[in-house]
Amino acid sequence: MKEEIKLRPEVQWFAEQMELKLRENDHKGGWADCLIEHLLRQVPREYRELLKALLWDDLPDEVIREAADIANYAMMIADRHRNWEKEE
């Protein structure tokens, strides 16, 4: 039996921020069919958006949104890899 994982409050909060960003993009149809290479190419673009938000926008909400975007791409890559391993 797997041990129950209790999320730290900070992780729970950030996971909720990630979910909010995912919901904004639900119209795009998800990532189940995306190539990992495509998802990887998005990470540097999202990094630049986060950097811009940190250095020039000075809007805390925008920094949080862009950080969640990067985390979402990392999650999508991990999810695609996990599912790819199951398919083999």
PDB file of N, CA and C in Angstrom:
ATOM      1  N   MET A   1       0.834  -1.175   0.000  1.00  0.00           N
ATOM      2  CA  MET A   1       0.000   0.000   0.000  1.00  0.00           C
ATOM      3  C   MET A   1       0.888   1.251   0.000  1.00  0.00           C
ATOM      4  N   LYS A   2       0.486   2.243  -0.812  1.00  0.00           N
ATOM      5  CA  LYS A   2       1.252   3.484  -0.863  1.00  0.00           C
ATOM      6  C   LYS A   2       0.977   4.341   0.363  1.00  0.00           C
ATOM      7  N   GLU A   3       2.026   5.008   0.800  1.00  0.00           N
ATOM      8  CA  GLU A   3       1.888   5.935   1.917  1.00  0.00           C
ATOM      9  C   GLU A   3       1.118   7.166   1.449  1.00  0.00           C
ATOM     10  N   GLU A   4       0.182   7.635   2.270  1.00  0.00           N
ATOM     11  CA  GLU A   4      -0.573   8.836   1.930  1.00  0.00           C
ATOM     12  C   GLU A   4       0.366  10.040   1.953  1.00  0.00           C
ATOM     13  N   ILE A   5       0.263  10.854   0.932  1.00  0.00           N
ATOM     14  CA  ILE A   5       1.109  12.043   0.846  1.00  0.00           C
ATOM     15  C   ILE A   5       0.282  13.254   1.247  1.00  0.00           C
ATOM     16  N   LYS A   6       0.711  13.916   2.293  1.00  0.00           N
ATOM     17  CA  LYS A   6       0.067  15.162   2.711  1.00  0.00           C
ATOM     18  C   LYS A   6       0.883  16.301   2.127  1.00  0.00           C
ATOM     19  N   LEU A   7       0.234  17.096   1.280  1.00  0.00           N
ATOM     20  CA  LEU A   7       0.938  18.199   0.639  1.00  0.00           C
ATOM     21  C   LEU A   7       1.206  19.327   1.620  1.00  0.00           C
ATOM     22  N   ARG A   8       2.380  19.902   1.487  1.00  0.00           N
ATOM     23  CA  ARG A   8       2.703  21.097   2.255  1.00  0.00           C
ATOM     24  C   ARG A   8       1.781  22.216   1.775  1.00  0.00           C
ATOM     25  N   PRO A   9       1.427  23.143   2.649  1.00  0.00           N
ATOM     26  CA  PRO A   9       0.532  24.230   2.236  1.00  0.00           C
ATOM     27  C   PRO A   9       1.056  25.005   1.019  1.00  0.00           C
ATOM     28  N   GLU A  10       2.361  25.212   0.959  1.00  0.00           N
ATOM     29  CA  GLU A  10       2.930  25.954  -0.170  1.00  0.00           C
ATOM     30  C   GLU A  10       2.785  25.180  -1.483  1.00  0.00           C
ATOM     31  N   VAL A  11       2.956  23.865  -1.401  1.00  0.00           N
ATOM     32  CA  VAL A  11       2.816  23.026  -2.593  1.00  0.00           C
ATOM     33  C   VAL A  11       1.355  22.991  -3.028  1.00  0.00           C
ATOM     34  N   GLN A  12       0.446  22.859  -2.076  1.00  0.00           N
ATOM     35  CA  GLN A  12      -0.986  22.867  -2.391  1.00  0.00           C
ATOM     36  C   GLN A  12      -1.374  24.179  -3.070  1.00  0.00           C
ATOM     37  N   TRP A  13      -0.932  25.302  -2.518  1.00  0.00           N
ATOM     38  CA  TRP A  13      -1.237  26.613  -3.090  1.00  0.00           C
ATOM     39  C   TRP A  13      -0.700  26.723  -4.522  1.00  0.00           C
ATOM     40  N   PHE A  14       0.553  26.293  -4.724  1.00  0.00           N
ATOM     41  CA  PHE A  14       1.146  26.415  -6.054  1.00  0.00           C
ATOM     42  C   PHE A  14       0.467  25.471  -7.043  1.00  0.00           C
ATOM     43  N   ALA A  15       0.101  24.280  -6.597  1.00  0.00           N
ATOM     44  CA  ALA A  15      -0.637  23.353  -7.465  1.00  0.00           C
ATOM     45  C   ALA A  15      -1.963  23.977  -7.900  1.00  0.00           C
ATOM     46  N   GLU A  16      -2.589  24.713  -7.016  1.00  0.00           N
ATOM     47  CA  GLU A  16      -3.829  25.412  -7.378  1.00  0.00           C
ATOM     48  C   GLU A  16      -3.562  26.500  -8.415  1.00  0.00           C
ATOM     49  N   GLN A  17      -2.432  27.196  -8.293  1.00  0.00           N
ATOM     50  CA  GLN A  17      -2.069  28.209  -9.297  1.00  0.00           C
ATOM     51  C   GLN A  17      -1.839  27.545 -10.654  1.00  0.00           C
ATOM     52  N   MET A  18      -1.196  26.381 -10.633  1.00  0.00           N
ATOM     53  CA  MET A  18      -0.972  25.632 -11.870  1.00  0.00           C
ATOM     54  C   MET A  18      -2.303  25.250 -12.509  1.00  0.00           C
ATOM     55  N   GLU A  19      -3.223  24.760 -11.704  1.00  0.00           N
ATOM     56  CA  GLU A  19      -4.534  24.351 -12.220  1.00  0.00           C
ATOM     57  C   GLU A  19      -5.282  25.539 -12.830  1.00  0.00           C
ATOM     58  N   LEU A  20      -5.197  26.697 -12.194  1.00  0.00           N
ATOM     59  CA  LEU A  20      -5.853  27.885 -12.755  1.00  0.00           C
ATOM     60  C   LEU A  20      -5.308  28.206 -14.142  1.00  0.00           C
ATOM     61  N   LYS A  21      -3.984  28.119 -14.308  1.00  0.00           N
ATOM     62  CA  LYS A  21      -3.373  28.371 -15.628  1.00  0.00           C
ATOM     63  C   LYS A  21      -3.802  27.311 -16.633  1.00  0.00           C
ATOM     64  N   LEU A  22      -3.865  26.065 -16.213  1.00  0.00           N
ATOM     65  CA  LEU A  22      -4.312  25.004 -17.117  1.00  0.00           C
ATOM     66  C   LEU A  22      -5.745  25.251 -17.581  1.00  0.00           C
ATOM     67  N   ARG A  23      -6.599  25.665 -16.679  1.00  0.00           N
ATOM     68  CA  ARG A  23      -8.001  25.917 -17.037  1.00  0.00           C
ATOM     69  C   ARG A  23      -8.133  27.052 -18.043  1.00  0.00           C
ATOM     70  N   GLU A  24      -7.260  28.050 -17.943  1.00  0.00           N
ATOM     71  CA  GLU A  24      -7.279  29.152 -18.916  1.00  0.00           C
ATOM     72  C   GLU A  24      -7.029  28.647 -20.332  1.00  0.00           C
ATOM     73  N   ASN A  25      -6.313  27.539 -20.431  1.00  0.00           N
ATOM     74  CA  ASN A  25      -5.925  27.014 -21.738  1.00  0.00           C
ATOM     75  C   ASN A  25      -6.663  25.733 -22.116  1.00  0.00           C
ATOM     76  N   ASP A  26      -7.741  25.421 -21.422  1.00  0.00           N
ATOM     77  CA  ASP A  26      -8.502  24.211 -21.736  1.00  0.00           C
ATOM     78  C   ASP A  26      -8.957  24.173 -23.191  1.00  0.00           C
ATOM     79  N   HIS A  27      -9.189  25.334 -23.765  1.00  0.00           N
ATOM     80  CA  HIS A  27      -9.652  25.390 -25.157  1.00  0.00           C
ATOM     81  C   HIS A  27      -8.611  24.847 -26.140  1.00  0.00           C
ATOM     82  N   LYS A  28      -7.367  24.695 -25.697  1.00  0.00           N
ATOM     83  CA  LYS A  28      -6.298  24.192 -26.572  1.00  0.00           C
ATOM     84  C   LYS A  28      -6.289  22.665 -26.668  1.00  0.00           C
ATOM     85  N   GLY A  29      -7.046  22.000 -25.811  1.00  0.00           N
ATOM     86  CA  GLY A  29      -7.200  20.559 -25.953  1.00  0.00           C
ATOM     87  C   GLY A  29      -6.248  19.680 -25.164  1.00  0.00           C
ATOM     88  N   GLY A  30      -5.428  20.221 -24.319  1.00  0.00           N
ATOM     89  CA  GLY A  30      -4.567  19.391 -23.484  1.00  0.00           C
ATOM     90  C   GLY A  30      -3.238  19.030 -24.122  1.00  0.00           C
ATOM     91  N   TRP A  31      -2.497  18.176 -23.441  1.00  0.00           N
ATOM     92  CA  TRP A  31      -1.134  17.843 -23.843  1.00  0.00           C
ATOM     93  C   TRP A  31      -0.941  16.359 -24.135  1.00  0.00           C
ATOM     94  N   ALA A  32      -1.993  15.583 -24.059  1.00  0.00           N
ATOM     95  CA  ALA A  32      -1.864  14.126 -24.218  1.00  0.00           C
ATOM     96  C   ALA A  32      -1.248  13.727 -25.553  1.00  0.00           C
ATOM     97  N   ASP A  33      -1.457  14.528 -26.581  1.00  0.00           N
ATOM     98  CA  ASP A  33      -0.918  14.201 -27.905  1.00  0.00           C
ATOM     99  C   ASP A  33       0.298  15.044 -28.282  1.00  0.00           C
ATOM    100  N   CYS A  34       0.756  15.895 -27.377  1.00  0.00           N
ATOM    101  CA  CYS A  34       1.915  16.748 -27.674  1.00  0.00           C
ATOM    102  C   CYS A  34       3.201  15.929 -27.622  1.00  0.00           C
ATOM    103  N   LEU A  35       4.076  16.211 -28.548  1.00  0.00           N
ATOM    104  CA  LEU A  35       5.402  15.607 -28.496  1.00  0.00           C
ATOM    105  C   LEU A  35       6.189  16.234 -27.350  1.00  0.00           C
ATOM    106  N   ILE A  36       6.983  15.419 -26.676  1.00  0.00           N
ATOM    107  CA  ILE A  36       7.816  15.939 -25.589  1.00  0.00           C
ATOM    108  C   ILE A  36       8.735  17.036 -26.114  1.00  0.00           C
ATOM    109  N   GLU A  37       9.248  16.881 -27.325  1.00  0.00           N
ATOM    110  CA  GLU A  37      10.138  17.888 -27.913  1.00  0.00           C
ATOM    111  C   GLU A  37       9.435  19.237 -28.029  1.00  0.00           C
ATOM    112  N   HIS A  38       8.159  19.221 -28.408  1.00  0.00           N
ATOM    113  CA  HIS A  38       7.389  20.467 -28.500  1.00  0.00           C
ATOM    114  C   HIS A  38       7.257  21.109 -27.119  1.00  0.00           C
ATOM    115  N   LEU A  39       6.935  20.302 -26.125  1.00  0.00           N
ATOM    116  CA  LEU A  39       6.788  20.824 -24.769  1.00  0.00           C
ATOM    117  C   LEU A  39       8.105  21.395 -24.259  1.00  0.00           C
ATOM    118  N   LEU A  40       9.207  20.704 -24.546  1.00  0.00           N
ATOM    119  CA  LEU A  40      10.528  21.191 -24.129  1.00  0.00           C
ATOM    120  C   LEU A  40      10.859  22.539 -24.753  1.00  0.00           C
ATOM    121  N   ARG A  41      10.455  22.727 -26.005  1.00  0.00           N
ATOM    122  CA  ARG A  41      10.745  23.998 -26.683  1.00  0.00           C
ATOM    123  C   ARG A  41       9.984  25.167 -26.069  1.00  0.00           C
ATOM    124  N   GLN A  42       8.913  24.883 -25.370  1.00  0.00           N
ATOM    125  CA  GLN A  42       8.128  25.955 -24.756  1.00  0.00           C
ATOM    126  C   GLN A  42       8.763  26.480 -23.469  1.00  0.00           C
ATOM    127  N   VAL A  43       9.571  25.658 -22.820  1.00  0.00           N
ATOM    128  CA  VAL A  43      10.129  26.038 -21.511  1.00  0.00           C
ATOM    129  C   VAL A  43      10.989  27.301 -21.589  1.00  0.00           C
ATOM    130  N   PRO A  44      11.925  27.435 -22.556  1.00  0.00           N
ATOM    131  CA  PRO A  44      12.707  28.675 -22.612  1.00  0.00           C
ATOM    132  C   PRO A  44      11.842  29.916 -22.859  1.00  0.00           C
ATOM    133  N   ARG A  45      10.804  29.769 -23.670  1.00  0.00           N
ATOM    134  CA  ARG A  45       9.897  30.899 -23.919  1.00  0.00           C
ATOM    135  C   ARG A  45       9.198  31.298 -22.622  1.00  0.00           C
ATOM    136  N   GLU A  46       8.729  30.311 -21.886  1.00  0.00           N
ATOM    137  CA  GLU A  46       8.061  30.599 -20.614  1.00  0.00           C
ATOM    138  C   GLU A  46       9.038  31.183 -19.597  1.00  0.00           C
ATOM    139  N   TYR A  47      10.279  30.720 -19.638  1.00  0.00           N
ATOM    140  CA  TYR A  47      11.314  31.279 -18.757  1.00  0.00           C
ATOM    141  C   TYR A  47      11.501  32.767 -19.046  1.00  0.00           C
ATOM    142  N   ARG A  48      11.559  33.122 -20.325  1.00  0.00           N
ATOM    143  CA  ARG A  48      11.716  34.540 -20.688  1.00  0.00           C
ATOM    144  C   ARG A  48      10.524  35.364 -20.210  1.00  0.00           C
ATOM    145  N   GLU A  49       9.329  34.799 -20.305  1.00  0.00           N
ATOM    146  CA  GLU A  49       8.142  35.509 -19.819  1.00  0.00           C
ATOM    147  C   GLU A  49       8.205  35.709 -18.304  1.00  0.00           C
ATOM    148  N   LEU A  50       8.696  34.711 -17.582  1.00  0.00           N
ATOM    149  CA  LEU A  50       8.853  34.849 -16.132  1.00  0.00           C
ATOM    150  C   LEU A  50       9.896  35.909 -15.808  1.00  0.00           C
ATOM    151  N   LEU A  51      11.004  35.872 -16.519  1.00  0.00           N
ATOM    152  CA  LEU A  51      12.058  36.861 -16.299  1.00  0.00           C
ATOM    153  C   LEU A  51      11.535  38.273 -16.540  1.00  0.00           C
ATOM    154  N   LYS A  52      10.786  38.459 -17.610  1.00  0.00           N
ATOM    155  CA  LYS A  52      10.187  39.766 -17.917  1.00  0.00           C
ATOM    156  C   LYS A  52       9.266  40.205 -16.782  1.00  0.00           C
ATOM    157  N   ALA A  53       8.439  39.290 -16.304  1.00  0.00           N
ATOM    158  CA  ALA A  53       7.523  39.623 -15.214  1.00  0.00           C
ATOM    159  C   ALA A  53       8.289  40.011 -13.952  1.00  0.00           C
ATOM    160  N   LEU A  54       9.396  39.330 -13.693  1.00  0.00           N
ATOM    161  CA  LEU A  54      10.202  39.632 -12.507  1.00  0.00           C
ATOM    162  C   LEU A  54      10.919  40.966 -12.624  1.00  0.00           C
ATOM    163  N   LEU A  55      11.484  41.240 -13.802  1.00  0.00           N
ATOM    164  CA  LEU A  55      12.349  42.408 -13.962  1.00  0.00           C
ATOM    165  C   LEU A  55      11.619  43.680 -14.357  1.00  0.00           C
ATOM    166  N   TRP A  56      10.553  43.539 -15.139  1.00  0.00           N
ATOM    167  CA  TRP A  56       9.951  44.750 -15.696  1.00  0.00           C
ATOM    168  C   TRP A  56       8.508  44.967 -15.298  1.00  0.00           C
ATOM    169  N   ASP A  57       7.741  43.933 -15.148  1.00  0.00           N
ATOM    170  CA  ASP A  57       6.318  44.129 -14.882  1.00  0.00           C
ATOM    171  C   ASP A  57       6.047  44.495 -13.428  1.00  0.00           C
ATOM    172  N   ASP A  58       6.837  43.943 -12.518  1.00  0.00           N
ATOM    173  CA  ASP A  58       6.681  44.214 -11.090  1.00  0.00           C
ATOM    174  C   ASP A  58       5.244  43.978 -10.615  1.00  0.00           C
ATOM    175  N   LEU A  59       4.624  42.930 -11.157  1.00  0.00           N
ATOM    176  CA  LEU A  59       3.274  42.564 -10.751  1.00  0.00           C
ATOM    177  C   LEU A  59       3.325  41.163 -10.134  1.00  0.00           C
ATOM    178  N   PRO A  60       3.156  41.065  -8.825  1.00  0.00           N
ATOM    179  CA  PRO A  60       3.271  39.757  -8.165  1.00  0.00           C
ATOM    180  C   PRO A  60       2.381  38.685  -8.792  1.00  0.00           C
ATOM    181  N   ASP A  61       1.155  39.036  -9.153  1.00  0.00           N
ATOM    182  CA  ASP A  61       0.258  38.038  -9.748  1.00  0.00           C
ATOM    183  C   ASP A  61       0.801  37.512 -11.066  1.00  0.00           C
ATOM    184  N   GLU A  62       1.433  38.372 -11.847  1.00  0.00           N
ATOM    185  CA  GLU A  62       1.980  37.939 -13.138  1.00  0.00           C
ATOM    186  C   GLU A  62       3.182  37.015 -12.931  1.00  0.00           C
ATOM    187  N   VAL A  63       3.996  37.304 -11.939  1.00  0.00           N
ATOM    188  CA  VAL A  63       5.132  36.427 -11.618  1.00  0.00           C
ATOM    189  C   VAL A  63       4.614  35.036 -11.238  1.00  0.00           C
ATOM    190  N   ILE A  64       3.592  34.993 -10.419  1.00  0.00           N
ATOM    191  CA  ILE A  64       3.009  33.712 -10.001  1.00  0.00           C
ATOM    192  C   ILE A  64       2.460  32.961 -11.209  1.00  0.00           C
ATOM    193  N   ARG A  65       1.757  33.663 -12.081  1.00  0.00           N
ATOM    194  CA  ARG A  65       1.170  33.021 -13.272  1.00  0.00           C
ATOM    195  C   ARG A  65       2.254  32.454 -14.183  1.00  0.00           C
ATOM    196  N   GLU A  66       3.326  33.210 -14.387  1.00  0.00           N
ATOM    197  CA  GLU A  66       4.396  32.737 -15.275  1.00  0.00           C
ATOM    198  C   GLU A  66       5.175  31.584 -14.641  1.00  0.00           C
ATOM    199  N   ALA A  67       5.369  31.636 -13.331  1.00  0.00           N
ATOM    200  CA  ALA A  67       6.027  30.510 -12.650  1.00  0.00           C
ATOM    201  C   ALA A  67       5.160  29.253 -12.763  1.00  0.00           C
ATOM    202  N   ALA A  68       3.857  29.421 -12.645  1.00  0.00           N
ATOM    203  CA  ALA A  68       2.945  28.279 -12.801  1.00  0.00           C
ATOM    204  C   ALA A  68       2.996  27.733 -14.220  1.00  0.00           C
ATOM    205  N   ASP A  69       3.147  28.614 -15.206  1.00  0.00           N
ATOM    206  CA  ASP A  69       3.278  28.168 -16.599  1.00  0.00           C
ATOM    207  C   ASP A  69       4.485  27.251 -16.770  1.00  0.00           C
ATOM    208  N   ILE A  70       5.623  27.667 -16.231  1.00  0.00           N
ATOM    209  CA  ILE A  70       6.834  26.843 -16.333  1.00  0.00           C
ATOM    210  C   ILE A  70       6.605  25.494 -15.646  1.00  0.00           C
ATOM    211  N   ALA A  71       6.036  25.539 -14.465  1.00  0.00           N
ATOM    212  CA  ALA A  71       5.768  24.297 -13.734  1.00  0.00           C
ATOM    213  C   ALA A  71       4.809  23.396 -14.509  1.00  0.00           C
ATOM    214  N   ASN A  72       3.834  23.995 -15.167  1.00  0.00           N
ATOM    215  CA  ASN A  72       2.894  23.191 -15.952  1.00  0.00           C
ATOM    216  C   ASN A  72       3.593  22.488 -17.103  1.00  0.00           C
ATOM    217  N   TYR A  73       4.501  23.173 -17.774  1.00  0.00           N
ATOM    218  CA  TYR A  73       5.224  22.506 -18.860  1.00  0.00           C
ATOM    219  C   TYR A  73       6.088  21.368 -18.315  1.00  0.00           C
ATOM    220  N   ALA A  74       6.707  21.572 -17.171  1.00  0.00           N
ATOM    221  CA  ALA A  74       7.491  20.490 -16.559  1.00  0.00           C
ATOM    222  C   ALA A  74       6.581  19.312 -16.211  1.00  0.00           C
ATOM    223  N   MET A  75       5.396  19.605 -15.679  1.00  0.00           N
ATOM    224  CA  MET A  75       4.435  18.552 -15.357  1.00  0.00           C
ATOM    225  C   MET A  75       3.996  17.817 -16.614  1.00  0.00           C
ATOM    226  N   MET A  76       3.720  18.569 -17.691  1.00  0.00           N
ATOM    227  CA  MET A  76       3.287  17.942 -18.948  1.00  0.00           C
ATOM    228  C   MET A  76       4.366  17.014 -19.498  1.00  0.00           C
ATOM    229  N   ILE A  77       5.610  17.455 -19.430  1.00  0.00           N
ATOM    230  CA  ILE A  77       6.727  16.622 -19.899  1.00  0.00           C
ATOM    231  C   ILE A  77       6.797  15.340 -19.071  1.00  0.00           C
ATOM    232  N   ALA A  78       6.714  15.484 -17.756  1.00  0.00           N
ATOM    233  CA  ALA A  78       6.757  14.305 -16.879  1.00  0.00           C
ATOM    234  C   ALA A  78       5.573  13.382 -17.152  1.00  0.00           C
ATOM    235  N   ASP A  79       4.399  13.951 -17.348  1.00  0.00           N
ATOM    236  CA  ASP A  79       3.204  13.155 -17.607  1.00  0.00           C
ATOM    237  C   ASP A  79       3.300  12.417 -18.936  1.00  0.00           C
ATOM    238  N   ARG A  80       3.768  13.099 -19.975  1.00  0.00           N
ATOM    239  CA  ARG A  80       3.928  12.456 -21.281  1.00  0.00           C
ATOM    240  C   ARG A  80       4.961  11.335 -21.193  1.00  0.00           C
ATOM    241  N   HIS A  81       6.049  11.576 -20.474  1.00  0.00           N
ATOM    242  CA  HIS A  81       7.085  10.549 -20.328  1.00  0.00           C
ATOM    243  C   HIS A  81       6.544   9.350 -19.548  1.00  0.00           C
ATOM    244  N   ARG A  82       5.826   9.626 -18.498  1.00  0.00           N
ATOM    245  CA  ARG A  82       5.232   8.555 -17.677  1.00  0.00           C
ATOM    246  C   ARG A  82       4.285   7.711 -18.523  1.00  0.00           C
ATOM    247  N   ASN A  83       3.460   8.349 -19.310  1.00  0.00           N
ATOM    248  CA  ASN A  83       2.506   7.619 -20.148  1.00  0.00           C
ATOM    249  C   ASN A  83       3.200   6.911 -21.298  1.00  0.00           C
ATOM    250  N   TRP A  84       4.265   7.506 -21.814  1.00  0.00           N
ATOM    251  CA  TRP A  84       5.043   6.879 -22.883  1.00  0.00           C
ATOM    252  C   TRP A  84       5.662   5.581 -22.379  1.00  0.00           C
ATOM    253  N   GLU A  85       6.179   5.611 -21.146  1.00  0.00           N
ATOM    254  CA  GLU A  85       6.766   4.401 -20.567  1.00  0.00           C
ATOM    255  C   GLU A  85       5.713   3.306 -20.402  1.00  0.00           C
ATOM    256  N   LYS A  86       4.477   3.669 -20.055  1.00  0.00           N
ATOM    257  CA  LYS A  86       3.402   2.690 -19.895  1.00  0.00           C
ATOM    258  C   LYS A  86       3.034   2.047 -21.230  1.00  0.00           C
ATOM    259  N   GLU A  87       3.153   2.827 -22.318  1.00  0.00           N
ATOM    260  CA  GLU A  87       2.762   2.347 -23.643  1.00  0.00           C
ATOM    261  C   GLU A  87       3.756   1.348 -24.209  1.00  0.00           C
ATOM    262  N   GLU A  88       5.002   1.412 -23.755  1.00  0.00           N
ATOM    263  CA  GLU A  88       6.027   0.508 -24.299  1.00  0.00           C
ATOM    264  C   GLU A  88       5.881  -0.900 -23.795  1.00  0.00           C
TER     265      GLU A  88
END
